[in-house]
Amino acid sequence: MINNENINILNMLIGRGLVSTLIHIVSTALIAFIMIKTKRNNSIIVPMIVGVIGGV
């Protein structure tokens, strides 16, 4: 049947996915807020760097 070890691995993977997604959403929102505050919309480099870091 289903092994207890398999369930633990599954929970760990799901947990990590949720945590990383949450961190990604929070960091993206925070960066967007900072970008709006500073109003540096002409800068293309910063959003690119943010996108690379956020995508990890």
N, C-alpha and C. Protein backbone atom coordinates (compact mmCIF):
# COMPACT_ATOMS: atom_id res chain seq x y z
N MET A 1 0.84 -1.20 0.00
CA MET A 1 0.00 0.00 0.00
C MET A 1 0.88 1.26 0.00
N ILE A 2 0.32 2.36 0.48
CA ILE A 2 1.07 3.62 0.51
C ILE A 2 1.98 3.62 1.73
N ASN A 3 3.24 3.91 1.47
CA ASN A 3 4.25 3.93 2.52
C ASN A 3 4.19 5.25 3.28
N ASN A 4 4.44 5.19 4.58
CA ASN A 4 4.43 6.41 5.40
C ASN A 4 5.53 7.37 4.98
N GLU A 5 6.66 6.80 4.53
CA GLU A 5 7.79 7.60 4.07
C GLU A 5 7.42 8.40 2.83
N ASN A 6 6.66 7.78 1.93
CA ASN A 6 6.21 8.46 0.72
C ASN A 6 5.32 9.65 1.05
N ILE A 7 4.44 9.49 2.02
CA ILE A 7 3.54 10.57 2.45
C ILE A 7 4.36 11.73 3.01
N ASN A 8 5.37 11.41 3.81
CA ASN A 8 6.23 12.45 4.39
C ASN A 8 6.96 13.23 3.29
N ILE A 9 7.46 12.54 2.29
CA ILE A 9 8.16 13.18 1.17
C ILE A 9 7.19 14.07 0.40
N LEU A 10 5.97 13.57 0.18
CA LEU A 10 4.95 14.33 -0.53
C LEU A 10 4.59 15.61 0.23
N ASN A 11 4.39 15.47 1.54
CA ASN A 11 4.09 16.63 2.39
C ASN A 11 5.22 17.65 2.36
N MET A 12 6.46 17.16 2.37
CA MET A 12 7.62 18.04 2.34
C MET A 12 7.67 18.82 1.03
N LEU A 13 7.41 18.14 -0.09
CA LEU A 13 7.43 18.78 -1.41
C LEU A 13 6.33 19.82 -1.52
N ILE A 14 5.12 19.46 -1.08
CA ILE A 14 3.98 20.38 -1.13
C ILE A 14 4.25 21.58 -0.22
N GLY A 15 4.76 21.31 0.98
CA GLY A 15 5.08 22.37 1.94
C GLY A 15 6.10 23.34 1.38
N ARG A 16 7.15 22.82 0.79
CA ARG A 16 8.19 23.66 0.19
C ARG A 16 7.63 24.49 -0.95
N GLY A 17 6.79 23.88 -1.75
CA GLY A 17 6.15 24.59 -2.87
C GLY A 17 5.31 25.75 -2.39
N LEU A 18 4.52 25.51 -1.34
CA LEU A 18 3.66 26.56 -0.79
C LEU A 18 4.49 27.69 -0.20
N VAL A 19 5.53 27.33 0.54
CA VAL A 19 6.39 28.34 1.17
C VAL A 19 7.09 29.18 0.10
N SER A 20 7.65 28.54 -0.90
CA SER A 20 8.36 29.27 -1.96
C SER A 20 7.41 30.16 -2.75
N THR A 21 6.18 29.67 -2.98
CA THR A 21 5.17 30.47 -3.68
C THR A 21 4.79 31.68 -2.85
N LEU A 22 4.61 31.48 -1.55
CA LEU A 22 4.26 32.57 -0.64
C LEU A 22 5.37 33.62 -0.61
N ILE A 23 6.61 33.17 -0.50
CA ILE A 23 7.77 34.08 -0.49
C ILE A 23 7.83 34.85 -1.81
N HIS A 24 7.59 34.16 -2.91
CA HIS A 24 7.61 34.78 -4.23
C HIS A 24 6.56 35.88 -4.33
N ILE A 25 5.34 35.60 -3.87
CA ILE A 25 4.24 36.57 -3.92
C ILE A 25 4.56 37.78 -3.05
N VAL A 26 5.03 37.53 -1.83
CA VAL A 26 5.35 38.61 -0.90
C VAL A 26 6.47 39.49 -1.44
N SER A 27 7.54 38.86 -1.94
CA SER A 27 8.68 39.63 -2.46
C SER A 27 8.28 40.43 -3.69
N THR A 28 7.46 39.84 -4.56
CA THR A 28 7.00 40.53 -5.76
C THR A 28 6.15 41.74 -5.38
N ALA A 29 5.24 41.55 -4.42
CA ALA A 29 4.38 42.65 -3.95
C ALA A 29 5.22 43.76 -3.32
N LEU A 30 6.20 43.36 -2.53
CA LEU A 30 7.08 44.32 -1.86
C LEU A 30 7.88 45.13 -2.88
N ILE A 31 8.42 44.45 -3.87
CA ILE A 31 9.21 45.11 -4.91
C ILE A 31 8.32 46.04 -5.74
N ALA A 32 7.12 45.58 -6.07
CA ALA A 32 6.17 46.41 -6.82
C ALA A 32 5.83 47.67 -6.03
N PHE A 33 5.63 47.52 -4.73
CA PHE A 33 5.33 48.65 -3.86
C PHE A 33 6.49 49.65 -3.85
N ILE A 34 7.71 49.13 -3.74
CA ILE A 34 8.91 49.99 -3.74
C ILE A 34 9.04 50.71 -5.09
N MET A 35 8.79 49.99 -6.18
CA MET A 35 8.89 50.57 -7.52
C MET A 35 7.87 51.69 -7.69
N ILE A 36 6.66 51.49 -7.17
CA ILE A 36 5.61 52.51 -7.26
C ILE A 36 6.00 53.73 -6.40
N LYS A 37 6.54 53.45 -5.22
CA LYS A 37 6.95 54.53 -4.32
C LYS A 37 8.04 55.40 -4.95
N THR A 38 9.05 54.76 -5.51
CA THR A 38 10.18 55.50 -6.09
C THR A 38 9.83 56.07 -7.47
N LYS A 39 8.84 55.45 -8.14
CA LYS A 39 8.38 55.87 -9.48
C LYS A 39 9.52 55.92 -10.48
N ARG A 40 10.32 54.87 -10.48
CA ARG A 40 11.41 54.76 -11.47
C ARG A 40 10.94 53.82 -12.58
N ASN A 41 9.94 54.24 -13.31
CA ASN A 41 9.36 53.40 -14.36
C ASN A 41 10.24 53.35 -15.60
N ASN A 42 11.16 54.30 -15.75
CA ASN A 42 12.03 54.32 -16.93
C ASN A 42 13.18 53.32 -16.83
N SER A 43 13.39 52.78 -15.62
CA SER A 43 14.47 51.81 -15.42
C SER A 43 14.01 50.42 -15.83
N ILE A 44 14.74 49.82 -16.75
CA ILE A 44 14.39 48.47 -17.23
C ILE A 44 15.24 47.42 -16.53
N ILE A 45 16.42 47.82 -16.07
CA ILE A 45 17.38 46.87 -15.48
C ILE A 45 16.86 46.31 -14.16
N VAL A 46 16.32 47.20 -13.31
CA VAL A 46 15.86 46.77 -11.98
C VAL A 46 14.76 45.70 -12.08
N PRO A 47 13.69 45.92 -12.86
CA PRO A 47 12.66 44.86 -12.97
C PRO A 47 13.19 43.55 -13.53
N MET A 48 14.19 43.64 -14.42
CA MET A 48 14.78 42.42 -14.98
C MET A 48 15.50 41.63 -13.89
N ILE A 49 16.28 42.34 -13.06
CA ILE A 49 17.00 41.69 -11.96
C ILE A 49 16.00 41.08 -10.98
N VAL A 50 14.96 41.87 -10.67
CA VAL A 50 13.90 41.42 -9.76
C VAL A 50 13.23 40.17 -10.32
N GLY A 51 12.96 40.17 -11.60
CA GLY A 51 12.33 39.02 -12.25
C GLY A 51 13.18 37.76 -12.15
N VAL A 52 14.48 37.92 -12.32
CA VAL A 52 15.41 36.79 -12.23
C VAL A 52 15.45 36.26 -10.80
N ILE A 53 15.55 37.19 -9.82
CA ILE A 53 15.62 36.78 -8.41
C ILE A 53 14.29 36.16 -7.99
N GLY A 54 13.18 36.79 -8.39
CA GLY A 54 11.85 36.30 -8.03
C GLY A 54 11.54 34.95 -8.66
N GLY A 55 12.11 34.70 -9.82
CA GLY A 55 11.85 33.45 -10.53
C GLY A 55 12.56 32.24 -9.95
N VAL A 56 13.53 32.47 -9.09
CA VAL A 56 14.32 31.37 -8.51
C VAL A 56 13.46 30.58 -7.53
